[in-house]
Amino acid sequence: MIAAQPVASRAPSDMSGAASATISLAGVRILVVDNDAAAVDLTREVLGQSGGEVRTVRTGIEAF
């Protein structure tokens, strides 16, 4: 499960050509919850490269 919350409001961007565009997650806090360590690592890496502030946990209890 991935939950994302914007830190500050952002204006919607033009999505034309979105398939080839890089989306910035700067200013977005993201919580990744997964019991699969490899999935957590990959997700953290991808979202982090886009500028997201990523926190990861292995269980729902840790997420709270």
N, C-alpha and C. Protein backbone atom coordinates (compact mmCIF):
# COMPACT_ATOMS: atom_id res chain seq x y z
N MET A 1 0.85 -1.16 0.00
CA MET A 1 0.00 0.00 0.00
C MET A 1 0.89 1.23 0.00
N ILE A 2 0.55 2.20 -0.79
CA ILE A 2 1.30 3.44 -0.85
C ILE A 2 0.33 4.58 -0.59
N ALA A 3 0.67 5.44 0.35
CA ALA A 3 -0.14 6.62 0.64
C ALA A 3 0.73 7.84 0.41
N ALA A 4 0.20 8.81 -0.29
CA ALA A 4 0.98 10.02 -0.55
C ALA A 4 0.18 11.23 -0.11
N GLN A 5 0.89 12.20 0.45
CA GLN A 5 0.25 13.42 0.91
C GLN A 5 1.10 14.60 0.47
N PRO A 6 0.50 15.55 -0.26
CA PRO A 6 1.28 16.72 -0.65
C PRO A 6 1.62 17.57 0.55
N VAL A 7 2.84 18.06 0.61
CA VAL A 7 3.26 18.92 1.71
C VAL A 7 2.73 20.33 1.49
N ALA A 8 2.74 20.78 0.27
CA ALA A 8 2.22 22.09 -0.08
C ALA A 8 1.38 21.95 -1.33
N SER A 9 0.39 22.81 -1.49
CA SER A 9 -0.45 22.70 -2.68
C SER A 9 0.36 23.06 -3.91
N ARG A 10 0.08 22.32 -4.99
CA ARG A 10 0.78 22.54 -6.25
C ARG A 10 -0.26 22.72 -7.34
N ALA A 11 0.06 23.54 -8.30
CA ALA A 11 -0.84 23.72 -9.44
C ALA A 11 -0.76 22.49 -10.32
N PRO A 12 -1.89 22.08 -10.90
CA PRO A 12 -1.85 20.93 -11.81
C PRO A 12 -0.95 21.22 -12.99
N SER A 13 -0.20 20.21 -13.39
CA SER A 13 0.71 20.40 -14.52
C SER A 13 0.05 19.93 -15.80
N ASP A 14 0.59 20.39 -16.90
CA ASP A 14 0.13 19.98 -18.22
C ASP A 14 0.55 18.53 -18.43
N MET A 15 -0.39 17.63 -18.65
CA MET A 15 -0.09 16.21 -18.77
C MET A 15 0.11 15.77 -20.22
N SER A 16 0.16 16.70 -21.16
CA SER A 16 0.43 16.30 -22.54
C SER A 16 1.83 15.74 -22.62
N GLY A 17 1.97 14.60 -23.24
CA GLY A 17 3.27 13.95 -23.34
C GLY A 17 3.69 13.31 -22.03
N ALA A 18 2.73 12.98 -21.19
CA ALA A 18 3.03 12.45 -19.85
C ALA A 18 3.80 11.13 -19.91
N ALA A 19 3.62 10.36 -20.96
CA ALA A 19 4.30 9.07 -21.04
C ALA A 19 5.82 9.24 -21.07
N SER A 20 6.29 10.32 -21.65
CA SER A 20 7.72 10.53 -21.75
C SER A 20 8.24 11.54 -20.72
N ALA A 21 7.35 12.18 -20.00
CA ALA A 21 7.74 13.20 -19.03
C ALA A 21 8.11 12.57 -17.69
N THR A 22 9.02 13.22 -16.98
CA THR A 22 9.35 12.81 -15.63
C THR A 22 8.48 13.61 -14.68
N ILE A 23 7.83 12.92 -13.77
CA ILE A 23 6.96 13.58 -12.81
C ILE A 23 7.75 13.85 -11.55
N SER A 24 7.70 15.08 -11.07
CA SER A 24 8.39 15.44 -9.85
C SER A 24 7.49 15.19 -8.65
N LEU A 25 8.05 14.52 -7.66
CA LEU A 25 7.33 14.30 -6.41
C LEU A 25 7.90 15.18 -5.31
N ALA A 26 8.61 16.21 -5.69
CA ALA A 26 9.18 17.15 -4.71
C ALA A 26 8.04 17.72 -3.87
N GLY A 27 8.22 17.70 -2.56
CA GLY A 27 7.20 18.22 -1.67
C GLY A 27 6.12 17.23 -1.31
N VAL A 28 6.25 15.97 -1.75
CA VAL A 28 5.25 14.95 -1.46
C VAL A 28 5.83 13.95 -0.47
N ARG A 29 5.12 13.73 0.63
CA ARG A 29 5.54 12.72 1.60
C ARG A 29 4.81 11.43 1.27
N ILE A 30 5.55 10.33 1.19
CA ILE A 30 4.99 9.05 0.76
C ILE A 30 5.31 7.99 1.80
N LEU A 31 4.29 7.23 2.18
CA LEU A 31 4.46 6.12 3.09
C LEU A 31 4.24 4.83 2.31
N VAL A 32 5.26 3.96 2.29
CA VAL A 32 5.17 2.68 1.60
C VAL A 32 5.08 1.59 2.66
N VAL A 33 4.03 0.78 2.58
CA VAL A 33 3.83 -0.32 3.52
C VAL A 33 3.79 -1.62 2.72
N ASP A 34 4.76 -2.50 2.98
CA ASP A 34 4.81 -3.78 2.27
C ASP A 34 5.68 -4.73 3.07
N ASN A 35 5.28 -5.99 3.15
CA ASN A 35 6.09 -6.97 3.89
C ASN A 35 7.17 -7.61 3.01
N ASP A 36 7.22 -7.24 1.76
CA ASP A 36 8.24 -7.74 0.83
C ASP A 36 9.39 -6.74 0.77
N ALA A 37 10.52 -7.09 1.35
CA ALA A 37 11.66 -6.17 1.44
C ALA A 37 12.12 -5.69 0.07
N ALA A 38 12.15 -6.57 -0.91
CA ALA A 38 12.60 -6.18 -2.25
C ALA A 38 11.65 -5.15 -2.87
N ALA A 39 10.36 -5.35 -2.68
CA ALA A 39 9.37 -4.41 -3.22
C ALA A 39 9.51 -3.04 -2.55
N VAL A 40 9.74 -3.05 -1.24
CA VAL A 40 9.92 -1.79 -0.50
C VAL A 40 11.15 -1.06 -0.99
N ASP A 41 12.26 -1.77 -1.15
CA ASP A 41 13.50 -1.15 -1.62
C ASP A 41 13.35 -0.54 -3.01
N LEU A 42 12.74 -1.28 -3.91
CA LEU A 42 12.54 -0.80 -5.28
C LEU A 42 11.63 0.42 -5.30
N THR A 43 10.52 0.34 -4.58
CA THR A 43 9.57 1.45 -4.54
C THR A 43 10.20 2.69 -3.94
N ARG A 44 10.95 2.53 -2.85
CA ARG A 44 11.64 3.67 -2.22
C ARG A 44 12.61 4.31 -3.21
N GLU A 45 13.36 3.49 -3.93
CA GLU A 45 14.35 4.00 -4.88
C GLU A 45 13.68 4.79 -6.00
N VAL A 46 12.64 4.23 -6.59
CA VAL A 46 11.96 4.89 -7.72
C VAL A 46 11.31 6.20 -7.27
N LEU A 47 10.58 6.15 -6.17
CA LEU A 47 9.90 7.36 -5.69
C LEU A 47 10.90 8.41 -5.20
N GLY A 48 11.97 7.96 -4.58
CA GLY A 48 13.00 8.87 -4.12
C GLY A 48 13.71 9.58 -5.26
N GLN A 49 13.94 8.88 -6.36
CA GLN A 49 14.58 9.47 -7.53
C GLN A 49 13.73 10.58 -8.13
N SER A 50 12.42 10.51 -7.89
CA SER A 50 11.52 11.54 -8.40
C SER A 50 11.36 12.68 -7.40
N GLY A 51 12.08 12.63 -6.29
CA GLY A 51 12.07 13.74 -5.35
C GLY A 51 11.14 13.58 -4.17
N GLY A 52 10.46 12.43 -4.08
CA GLY A 52 9.54 12.22 -2.96
C GLY A 52 10.27 11.98 -1.65
N GLU A 53 9.64 12.38 -0.56
CA GLU A 53 10.15 12.09 0.79
C GLU A 53 9.52 10.77 1.20
N VAL A 54 10.28 9.69 1.11
CA VAL A 54 9.73 8.33 1.26
C VAL A 54 10.08 7.74 2.62
N ARG A 55 9.06 7.22 3.30
CA ARG A 55 9.25 6.44 4.52
C ARG A 55 8.70 5.06 4.23
N THR A 56 9.37 4.05 4.74
CA THR A 56 8.92 2.68 4.50
C THR A 56 8.74 1.94 5.83
N VAL A 57 7.75 1.07 5.86
CA VAL A 57 7.51 0.19 7.00
C VAL A 57 7.10 -1.17 6.46
N ARG A 58 7.23 -2.18 7.30
CA ARG A 58 6.95 -3.54 6.86
C ARG A 58 5.54 -4.02 7.23
N THR A 59 4.89 -3.36 8.20
CA THR A 59 3.55 -3.81 8.63
C THR A 59 2.61 -2.63 8.78
N GLY A 60 1.34 -2.93 8.80
CA GLY A 60 0.33 -1.91 9.03
C GLY A 60 0.44 -1.29 10.40
N ILE A 61 0.82 -2.09 11.39
CA ILE A 61 0.98 -1.59 12.75
C ILE A 61 2.09 -0.54 12.79
N GLU A 62 3.20 -0.80 12.10
CA GLU A 62 4.29 0.18 12.05
C GLU A 62 3.85 1.48 11.37
N ALA A 63 2.91 1.36 10.44
CA ALA A 63 2.46 2.54 9.70
C ALA A 63 1.72 3.53 10.60
N PHE A 64 1.08 2.99 11.62
CA PHE A 64 0.36 3.88 12.54
C PHE A 64 1.32 4.51 13.50
